[in-house]
């Protein structure tokens, strides 16, 4: 069984904008739907707050009293509500620099459903590069005719005599892939490549508010996906393969724009220069890769599907997580690191290590410092604020010997300042 749509019950939709548990469940469902190549329909939307949250989360479709009363025909949205949806949808796409299928669509010939097959066949004979045509009724696409399939029908023993004067809707594909222009190309790619093998290379029909806009070929879509992956590879860290600074900034801005609760974890190694000088660049690279693995493994097990890990450069990393327990995540990262780092120098002995300035320090070796910034609400929070708070926390963590994290909270829901944070695997929060 492969569904085209999955409906989300009203019990999950109601009050999603103020219920973190529901939000996390829906985020997981959005990711699940993307992997299956299906669409989510949120049921029972009754407030603009619910609509805004669902739109920014990437839920594809919705229904409810806010959008229109139940009826045989879809209700016409008010101009204000339509603009509300479009503006937030564009905000979601722009914040993540998501390429939409509308940008890849090109004008396509259309024929009325009652057009004789002979006219469409002659069109293909005159336009040898045309792959297919769209069948429409009152500007709405209702079917697709691909060149090879049409001539295959006509090539039979009685093909011309049976079909030549019949209307085109008698042999068209009545279930072509039709997507709205704002649908991300990645989603369309998954939907297109999950089709039956007989329809795998059919054109994808693109609409604008339900009306015919154009078509996109599988070749164009796959070339686009390849180019995107190549561009991502260019800005990714060559050592760890993790997203680099360009993607990190995009992801941070996306989360702040959405206004969601999330946490930022900055991680860097203590005494890495000493380790690099003593054991060489090859071992240093392996230690960097090991640190990246520790963070990714912890995120995979203790985070949520939408979490992000990036490599700022050198021995500096960043993670962004929507988990409700970021302190547990930090503890997991530190424990994984401390358990494995000794393997890099377990047969060696030394009496001291050196900091970045060459000062001798007593230490058991390389340690990991984390700065945890919990954004209670992204609204009103800026990247500069996050950077300033993390810099203060990193300074505190560097003064402590051993793997440690410090935590602070910012945002509209942050509580009053607490006592100075104390270093520990389990941390101690303060707020500003």
Protein backbone atom coordinates (compact mmCIF):
# COMPACT_ATOMS: atom_id res chain seq x y z
CA UNK A 1 0.00 0.00 0.00
CA UNK A 2 1.33 3.42 -0.95
CA UNK A 3 -1.04 6.27 0.02
CA UNK A 4 -1.12 9.57 -1.83
CA UNK A 5 -2.35 11.48 1.22
CA UNK A 6 -2.23 11.08 5.00
CA UNK A 7 -4.81 12.93 7.11
CA UNK A 8 -3.76 14.35 10.47
CA UNK A 9 -6.55 14.22 13.04
CA UNK A 10 -7.94 17.37 14.66
CA UNK A 11 -6.65 16.18 18.04
CA UNK A 12 -3.07 16.85 16.87
CA UNK A 13 -3.91 20.06 15.00
CA UNK A 14 -5.83 21.81 17.76
CA UNK A 15 -3.59 24.28 19.60
CA UNK A 16 -0.42 23.03 17.87
CA UNK A 17 1.04 26.56 18.07
CA UNK A 18 1.21 26.37 21.86
CA UNK A 19 1.79 22.64 22.43
CA UNK A 20 5.39 21.47 21.93
CA UNK A 21 4.48 17.76 22.08
CA UNK A 22 2.02 18.12 19.21
CA UNK A 23 4.54 20.23 17.29
CA UNK A 24 7.26 17.59 17.60
CA UNK A 25 4.87 14.79 16.56
CA UNK A 26 3.77 16.77 13.49
CA UNK A 27 7.39 17.60 12.58
CA UNK A 28 8.13 13.88 12.62
CA UNK A 29 5.07 13.23 10.43
CA UNK A 30 6.20 15.88 7.91
CA UNK A 31 9.61 14.18 7.65
CA UNK A 32 7.93 10.78 7.35
CA UNK A 33 5.64 12.04 4.58
CA UNK A 34 8.58 13.53 2.66
CA UNK A 35 10.44 10.20 2.76
CA UNK A 36 7.34 8.34 1.50
CA UNK A 37 6.59 10.96 -1.13
CA UNK A 38 3.05 11.61 0.12
CA UNK A 39 1.10 14.70 1.16
CA UNK A 40 -0.13 15.56 4.66
CA UNK A 41 -3.61 17.01 5.19
CA UNK A 42 -4.19 18.74 8.53
CA UNK A 43 -7.80 18.35 9.60
CA UNK A 44 -9.86 20.78 11.68
CA UNK A 45 -7.95 24.07 11.33
CA UNK A 46 -9.99 26.67 13.21
CA UNK A 47 -7.62 29.55 14.04
CA UNK A 48 -5.08 31.63 12.15
CA UNK A 49 -2.44 30.69 14.72
CA UNK A 50 -2.90 27.00 13.91
CA UNK A 51 -2.78 27.75 10.17
CA UNK A 52 0.43 29.80 10.52
CA UNK A 53 2.21 27.13 12.55
CA UNK A 54 1.18 24.31 10.18
CA UNK A 55 2.24 26.31 7.12
CA UNK A 56 5.66 27.15 8.58
CA UNK A 57 6.16 23.51 9.57
CA UNK A 58 5.72 22.44 5.95
CA UNK A 59 2.33 20.66 6.21
CA UNK A 60 1.09 20.44 2.63
CA UNK A 61 -2.70 20.81 2.83
CA UNK A 62 -5.36 21.72 5.37
CA UNK A 63 -9.08 21.75 5.97
CA UNK A 64 -11.31 23.17 8.67
CA UNK A 65 -13.89 25.80 9.49
CA UNK A 66 -11.30 28.59 9.16
CA UNK A 67 -10.82 27.68 5.49
CA UNK A 68 -14.47 26.89 4.67
CA UNK A 69 -17.55 24.94 5.68
CA UNK A 70 -17.91 21.33 4.47
CA UNK A 71 -19.39 21.27 0.97
CA UNK A 72 -19.35 19.30 -2.30
CA UNK A 73 -17.10 21.91 -3.91
CA UNK A 74 -13.98 23.49 -2.31
CA UNK A 75 -14.73 26.83 -0.66
CA UNK A 76 -13.25 30.04 -2.05
CA UNK A 77 -10.77 31.52 0.40
CA UNK A 78 -10.99 35.16 1.31
CA UNK A 79 -8.23 37.26 -0.29
CA UNK A 80 -6.82 37.98 3.19
CA UNK A 81 -6.62 34.29 4.10
CA UNK A 82 -5.12 33.34 0.74
CA UNK A 83 -2.45 36.03 1.14
CA UNK A 84 -1.82 34.80 4.70
CA UNK A 85 -1.06 31.28 3.44
CA UNK A 86 1.03 32.42 0.46
CA UNK A 87 3.15 34.83 2.52
CA UNK A 88 3.97 32.24 5.19
CA UNK A 89 4.62 29.58 2.57
CA UNK A 90 7.06 31.89 0.81
CA UNK A 91 8.65 32.69 4.16
CA UNK A 92 9.25 28.97 4.71
CA UNK A 93 10.74 28.54 1.26
CA UNK A 94 12.91 31.66 1.32
CA UNK A 95 14.24 31.01 4.81
CA UNK A 96 15.56 27.66 3.70
CA UNK A 97 16.33 28.74 0.10
CA UNK A 98 14.10 25.91 -1.14
CA UNK A 99 13.83 25.69 -4.91
CA UNK A 100 10.20 25.28 -6.00
CA UNK A 101 8.96 23.29 -9.00
CA UNK A 102 7.41 26.44 -10.45
CA UNK A 103 10.93 27.71 -11.16
CA UNK A 104 11.59 24.65 -13.35
CA UNK A 105 8.28 24.55 -15.22
CA UNK A 106 8.09 25.56 -18.87
CA UNK A 107 5.03 26.33 -21.04
CA UNK A 108 3.37 23.22 -22.38
CA UNK A 109 0.83 22.70 -25.18
CA UNK A 110 -2.67 21.93 -23.96
CA UNK A 111 -5.68 20.38 -25.66
CA UNK A 112 -9.31 20.27 -24.66
CA UNK A 113 -10.52 16.89 -23.45
CA UNK A 114 -12.81 16.54 -26.50
CA UNK A 115 -10.09 17.19 -29.07
CA UNK A 116 -9.87 14.32 -31.62
CA UNK A 117 -6.83 12.08 -31.24
CA UNK A 118 -5.94 12.79 -34.89
CA UNK A 119 -5.22 16.45 -34.12
CA UNK A 120 -2.93 15.57 -31.19
CA UNK A 121 -1.13 12.94 -33.31
CA UNK A 122 -0.52 15.49 -36.09
CA UNK A 123 0.77 17.96 -33.50
CA UNK A 124 3.39 15.41 -32.38
CA UNK A 125 4.37 14.77 -36.01
CA UNK A 126 4.93 18.49 -36.56
CA UNK A 127 6.75 19.03 -33.23
CA UNK A 128 9.29 16.23 -33.04
CA UNK A 129 10.77 17.44 -29.73
CA UNK A 130 7.46 17.52 -27.85
CA UNK A 131 7.45 14.78 -25.18
CA UNK A 132 3.83 15.14 -24.20
CA UNK A 133 0.80 17.40 -23.99
CA UNK A 134 -1.60 18.23 -21.19
CA UNK A 135 -5.34 17.69 -21.48
CA UNK A 136 -7.39 20.43 -19.83
CA UNK A 137 -10.97 21.33 -19.03
CA UNK A 138 -11.60 25.04 -18.38
CA UNK A 139 -7.87 25.69 -17.79
CA UNK A 140 -7.60 22.88 -15.24
CA UNK A 141 -5.37 19.88 -16.12
CA UNK A 142 -7.31 16.61 -16.18
CA UNK A 143 -4.94 14.28 -18.02
CA UNK A 144 -1.65 13.73 -19.83
CA UNK A 145 -0.72 12.28 -23.22
CA UNK A 146 2.88 11.21 -23.76
CA UNK A 147 4.16 10.93 -27.35
CA UNK A 148 5.41 7.36 -27.17
CA UNK A 149 2.24 6.07 -25.52
CA UNK A 150 -0.02 7.70 -28.12
CA UNK A 151 1.84 6.25 -31.10
CA UNK A 152 2.01 2.90 -29.34
CA UNK A 153 -1.80 2.91 -29.25
CA UNK A 154 -2.02 3.88 -32.91
CA UNK A 155 0.58 1.31 -34.01
CA UNK A 156 -1.70 -1.64 -33.25
CA UNK A 157 -3.43 -3.63 -35.98
CA UNK A 158 -6.57 -1.51 -35.82
CA UNK A 159 -5.09 1.48 -34.02
CA UNK A 160 -5.89 4.19 -36.55
CA UNK A 161 -9.35 2.94 -37.37
CA UNK A 162 -10.25 2.53 -33.68
CA UNK A 163 -8.80 5.69 -32.17
CA UNK A 164 -8.19 8.26 -34.94
CA UNK A 165 -11.43 10.17 -34.49
CA UNK A 166 -12.04 9.50 -30.81
CA UNK A 167 -11.66 12.32 -28.23
CA UNK A 168 -8.28 12.50 -26.55
CA UNK A 169 -9.72 11.88 -23.08
CA UNK A 170 -10.53 8.30 -24.11
CA UNK A 171 -6.86 7.27 -23.98
CA UNK A 172 -5.21 9.92 -21.76
CA UNK A 173 -3.57 9.17 -18.42
CA UNK A 174 -6.26 10.28 -15.98
CA UNK A 175 -3.91 10.24 -12.94
CA UNK A 176 -0.81 12.20 -13.94
CA UNK A 177 1.42 13.76 -11.29
CA UNK A 178 0.05 17.29 -10.69
CA UNK A 179 1.74 19.63 -8.20
CA UNK A 180 1.35 23.26 -7.19
CA UNK A 181 4.05 25.73 -8.25
CA UNK A 182 5.34 26.32 -4.69
CA UNK A 183 6.01 22.61 -4.04
CA UNK A 184 9.75 22.06 -3.30
CA UNK A 185 11.64 20.34 -6.12
CA UNK A 186 12.97 17.73 -3.70
CA UNK A 187 9.43 16.64 -2.81
CA UNK A 188 8.44 16.49 -6.49
CA UNK A 189 11.53 14.42 -7.25
CA UNK A 190 10.52 11.86 -4.63
CA UNK A 191 6.94 11.72 -5.89
CA UNK A 192 8.03 11.40 -9.52
CA UNK A 193 10.60 8.65 -8.95
CA UNK A 194 8.19 6.63 -6.80
CA UNK A 195 5.68 6.28 -9.68
CA UNK A 196 5.01 3.05 -11.54
CA UNK A 197 7.86 2.13 -13.90
CA UNK A 198 5.54 2.69 -16.89
CA UNK A 199 5.03 6.33 -15.86
CA UNK A 200 8.49 7.03 -14.48
CA UNK A 201 9.53 9.43 -17.28
CA UNK A 202 6.17 11.14 -17.74
CA UNK A 203 6.02 14.92 -17.54
CA UNK A 204 5.10 16.50 -14.20
CA UNK A 205 2.21 18.96 -14.52
CA UNK A 206 2.61 22.22 -12.59
CA UNK A 207 -0.38 24.33 -11.57
CA UNK A 208 -0.91 27.77 -10.09
CA UNK A 209 -3.93 27.88 -7.79
CA UNK A 210 -5.28 24.80 -9.56
CA UNK A 211 -4.93 26.23 -13.08
CA UNK A 212 -2.47 25.03 -15.70
CA UNK A 213 0.96 26.66 -15.45
CA UNK A 214 3.36 24.36 -17.31
CA UNK A 215 5.25 21.07 -17.14
CA UNK A 216 8.64 19.86 -15.92
CA UNK A 217 10.49 16.85 -17.32
CA UNK A 218 12.14 14.22 -15.16
CA UNK A 219 15.46 15.11 -16.76
CA UNK A 220 15.11 18.75 -15.70
CA UNK A 221 14.13 17.78 -12.15
CA UNK A 222 16.98 15.29 -11.69
CA UNK A 223 19.53 17.68 -13.22
CA UNK A 224 18.36 20.33 -10.74
CA UNK A 225 18.70 17.93 -7.80
CA UNK A 226 22.19 16.95 -8.95
CA UNK A 227 23.23 20.61 -9.21
CA UNK A 228 21.85 21.36 -5.75
CA UNK A 229 23.81 18.45 -4.27
CA UNK A 230 26.96 19.60 -6.06
CA UNK A 231 26.50 23.14 -4.74
CA UNK A 232 25.97 21.79 -1.22
CA UNK A 233 29.11 19.70 -1.56
CA UNK A 234 31.09 22.82 -2.53
CA UNK A 235 30.20 24.62 0.70
CA UNK A 236 30.34 21.53 2.93
CA UNK A 237 33.38 20.70 5.05
CA UNK A 238 35.73 18.52 2.94
CA UNK A 239 36.90 16.70 6.08
CA UNK A 240 33.61 15.81 7.76
CA UNK A 241 31.16 16.29 4.88
CA UNK A 242 28.97 18.34 7.23
CA UNK A 243 27.27 21.58 6.09
CA UNK A 244 29.55 24.62 6.15
CA UNK A 245 29.02 28.22 7.20
CA UNK A 246 26.68 29.18 4.33
CA UNK A 247 24.27 26.36 5.14
CA UNK A 248 24.67 26.98 8.88
CA UNK A 249 23.59 30.61 8.49
CA UNK A 250 20.63 29.61 6.31
CA UNK A 251 19.47 27.03 8.84
CA UNK A 252 19.81 29.43 11.77
CA UNK A 253 17.87 32.14 9.94
CA UNK A 254 15.17 29.64 8.97
CA UNK A 255 14.60 28.60 12.57
CA UNK A 256 14.58 32.18 13.83
CA UNK A 257 12.11 33.19 11.11
CA UNK A 258 9.76 30.36 12.09
CA UNK A 259 9.85 31.51 15.72
CA UNK A 260 10.08 27.96 17.02
CA UNK A 261 11.63 26.81 20.29
CA UNK A 262 15.06 25.35 19.53
CA UNK A 263 18.53 25.06 21.01
CA UNK A 264 21.95 25.89 19.59
CA UNK A 265 24.99 23.91 20.73
CA UNK A 266 28.45 25.24 19.96
CA UNK A 267 31.23 22.68 20.40
CA UNK A 268 35.00 23.04 20.25
CA UNK A 269 37.99 21.01 21.41
CA UNK A 270 40.32 22.03 24.23
CA UNK A 271 44.07 21.59 23.66
CA UNK A 272 43.59 20.56 20.03
CA UNK A 273 46.65 22.54 18.88
CA UNK A 274 48.78 20.65 21.40
CA UNK A 275 47.36 17.34 20.12
CA UNK A 276 47.94 18.32 16.47
CA UNK A 277 51.55 19.36 17.14
CA UNK A 278 52.31 16.21 19.13
CA UNK A 279 50.61 13.56 16.98
CA UNK A 280 50.48 15.14 13.52
CA UNK A 281 47.84 16.37 11.10
CA UNK A 282 46.57 12.91 10.19
CA UNK A 283 45.71 12.09 13.79
CA UNK A 284 44.31 15.58 14.19
CA UNK A 285 41.96 15.02 11.24
CA UNK A 286 40.84 11.72 12.73
CA UNK A 287 40.08 13.43 16.04
CA UNK A 288 38.00 16.07 14.21
CA UNK A 289 36.08 13.31 12.42
CA UNK A 290 35.57 11.45 15.71
CA UNK A 291 34.14 14.61 17.31
CA UNK A 292 31.76 15.08 14.39
CA UNK A 293 30.63 11.45 14.75
CA UNK A 294 29.98 11.89 18.49
CA UNK A 295 27.73 14.90 17.85
CA UNK A 296 25.87 13.26 14.97
CA UNK A 297 25.29 10.00 16.87
CA UNK A 298 23.95 11.86 19.89
CA UNK A 299 21.69 13.99 17.69
CA UNK A 300 20.42 10.87 15.92
CA UNK A 301 19.50 9.12 19.17
CA UNK A 302 18.52 12.00 21.48
CA UNK A 303 17.34 14.60 18.96
CA UNK A 304 14.46 14.84 16.48
CA UNK A 305 14.43 14.29 12.66
CA UNK A 306 14.66 18.01 11.84
CA UNK A 307 17.89 18.53 13.82
CA UNK A 308 20.98 19.97 12.14
CA UNK A 309 24.75 19.51 12.60
CA UNK A 310 27.31 21.76 10.90
CA UNK A 311 31.10 22.18 10.82
CA UNK A 312 32.10 25.81 11.35
CA UNK A 313 35.73 25.01 10.64
CA UNK A 314 38.79 23.62 12.39
CA UNK A 315 37.73 22.09 15.71
CA UNK A 316 34.49 24.12 15.94
CA UNK A 317 31.05 22.58 15.39
CA UNK A 318 27.43 23.66 15.76
CA UNK A 319 24.21 21.74 16.29
CA UNK A 320 20.62 23.00 16.23
CA UNK A 321 17.96 20.86 17.85
CA UNK A 322 14.26 21.09 18.59
CA UNK A 323 14.45 18.49 21.35
CA UNK A 324 12.63 19.30 24.57
CA UNK A 325 15.66 18.14 26.61
CA UNK A 326 18.81 19.73 25.10
CA UNK A 327 20.76 19.21 28.33
CA UNK A 328 20.39 15.45 27.96
CA UNK A 329 21.68 15.85 24.41
CA UNK A 330 24.76 17.74 25.64
CA UNK A 331 25.43 15.11 28.30
CA UNK A 332 25.23 12.37 25.66
CA UNK A 333 27.71 14.20 23.38
CA UNK A 334 30.23 14.69 26.22
CA UNK A 335 29.96 11.11 27.45
CA UNK A 336 30.48 9.71 23.95
CA UNK A 337 33.52 11.95 23.48
CA UNK A 338 35.14 11.14 26.84
CA UNK A 339 34.63 7.39 26.32
CA UNK A 340 36.39 7.38 22.96
CA UNK A 341 39.01 10.13 22.96
CA UNK A 342 41.57 8.19 25.05
CA UNK A 343 41.95 5.69 22.19
CA UNK A 344 43.87 8.37 20.28
CA UNK A 345 46.76 8.39 22.76
CA UNK A 346 46.26 5.53 25.22
CA UNK A 347 49.80 4.16 24.77
CA UNK A 348 51.41 7.56 25.32
CA UNK A 349 52.25 9.35 28.55
CA UNK A 350 52.84 13.04 29.22
CA UNK A 351 53.12 15.28 32.22
CA UNK A 352 51.35 18.32 30.78
CA UNK A 353 49.48 19.74 27.80
CA UNK A 354 49.66 23.20 26.24
CA UNK A 355 46.89 25.70 25.54
CA UNK A 356 46.64 27.75 22.33
CA UNK A 357 49.21 30.21 23.67
CA UNK A 358 51.78 27.56 24.59
CA UNK A 359 51.12 27.73 28.34
CA UNK A 360 51.60 24.42 30.14
CA UNK A 361 48.44 23.05 31.73
CA UNK A 362 47.68 19.99 33.83
CA UNK A 363 45.09 17.93 31.97
CA UNK A 364 44.17 14.37 31.14
CA UNK A 365 44.28 15.23 27.44
CA UNK A 366 41.93 16.72 24.87
CA UNK A 367 38.49 17.67 26.24
CA UNK A 368 35.30 19.03 24.70
CA UNK A 369 33.58 22.30 25.63
CA UNK A 370 29.94 22.98 24.77
CA UNK A 371 27.94 26.20 24.89
CA UNK A 372 24.20 25.52 24.98
CA UNK A 373 21.93 28.43 24.04
CA UNK A 374 18.23 27.62 24.46
CA UNK A 375 16.01 29.88 22.34
CA UNK A 376 12.65 29.82 24.10
CA UNK A 377 11.15 31.65 21.14
CA UNK A 378 12.93 32.53 17.92
CA UNK A 379 10.75 35.61 17.47
CA UNK A 380 12.78 38.71 18.26
CA UNK A 381 16.00 36.74 18.71
CA UNK A 382 18.86 37.59 16.35
CA UNK A 383 21.94 35.60 15.29
CA UNK A 384 24.05 38.29 16.94
CA UNK A 385 22.37 37.69 20.31
CA UNK A 386 22.96 33.95 20.05
CA UNK A 387 26.60 34.58 19.11
CA UNK A 388 27.15 36.94 22.07
CA UNK A 389 25.63 34.53 24.59
CA UNK A 390 27.56 31.57 23.21
CA UNK A 391 30.83 33.52 23.34
CA UNK A 392 30.28 34.21 27.04
CA UNK A 393 29.46 30.56 27.71
CA UNK A 394 32.47 29.34 25.74
CA UNK A 395 34.72 31.61 27.80
CA UNK A 396 33.31 30.06 30.99
CA UNK A 397 33.75 26.53 29.71
CA UNK A 398 37.37 27.16 28.70
CA UNK A 399 38.15 28.12 32.30
CA UNK A 400 37.07 24.66 33.47
CA UNK A 401 39.35 21.63 33.20
CA UNK A 402 37.54 18.72 31.62
CA UNK A 403 34.65 18.19 29.20
CA UNK A 404 31.82 20.49 30.18
CA UNK A 405 28.84 22.46 28.96
CA UNK A 406 27.29 25.72 30.09
CA UNK A 407 23.67 26.60 29.36
CA UNK A 408 21.76 29.87 29.01
CA UNK A 409 18.26 30.78 27.82
CA UNK A 410 17.17 33.64 25.60
CA UNK A 411 13.84 34.57 24.03
CA UNK A 412 10.46 35.88 25.08
CA UNK A 413 9.76 32.96 27.43
CA UNK A 414 13.12 32.97 29.25
CA UNK A 415 12.89 33.15 33.02
CA UNK A 416 14.58 35.64 35.31
CA UNK A 417 18.39 35.35 35.67
CA UNK A 418 19.58 32.50 37.82
CA UNK A 419 22.83 32.09 39.70
CA UNK A 420 26.08 31.82 37.76
CA UNK A 421 26.14 28.49 35.90
CA UNK A 422 28.34 25.80 37.40
CA UNK A 423 30.38 23.44 35.19
CA UNK A 424 29.17 19.84 35.14
CA UNK A 425 28.17 17.16 32.69
CA UNK A 426 24.58 17.92 33.65
CA UNK A 427 25.08 21.68 33.45
CA UNK A 428 23.23 24.42 35.27
CA UNK A 429 21.00 26.91 33.50
CA UNK A 430 20.99 30.66 33.79
CA UNK A 431 18.72 32.98 31.82
CA UNK A 432 18.87 36.48 30.39
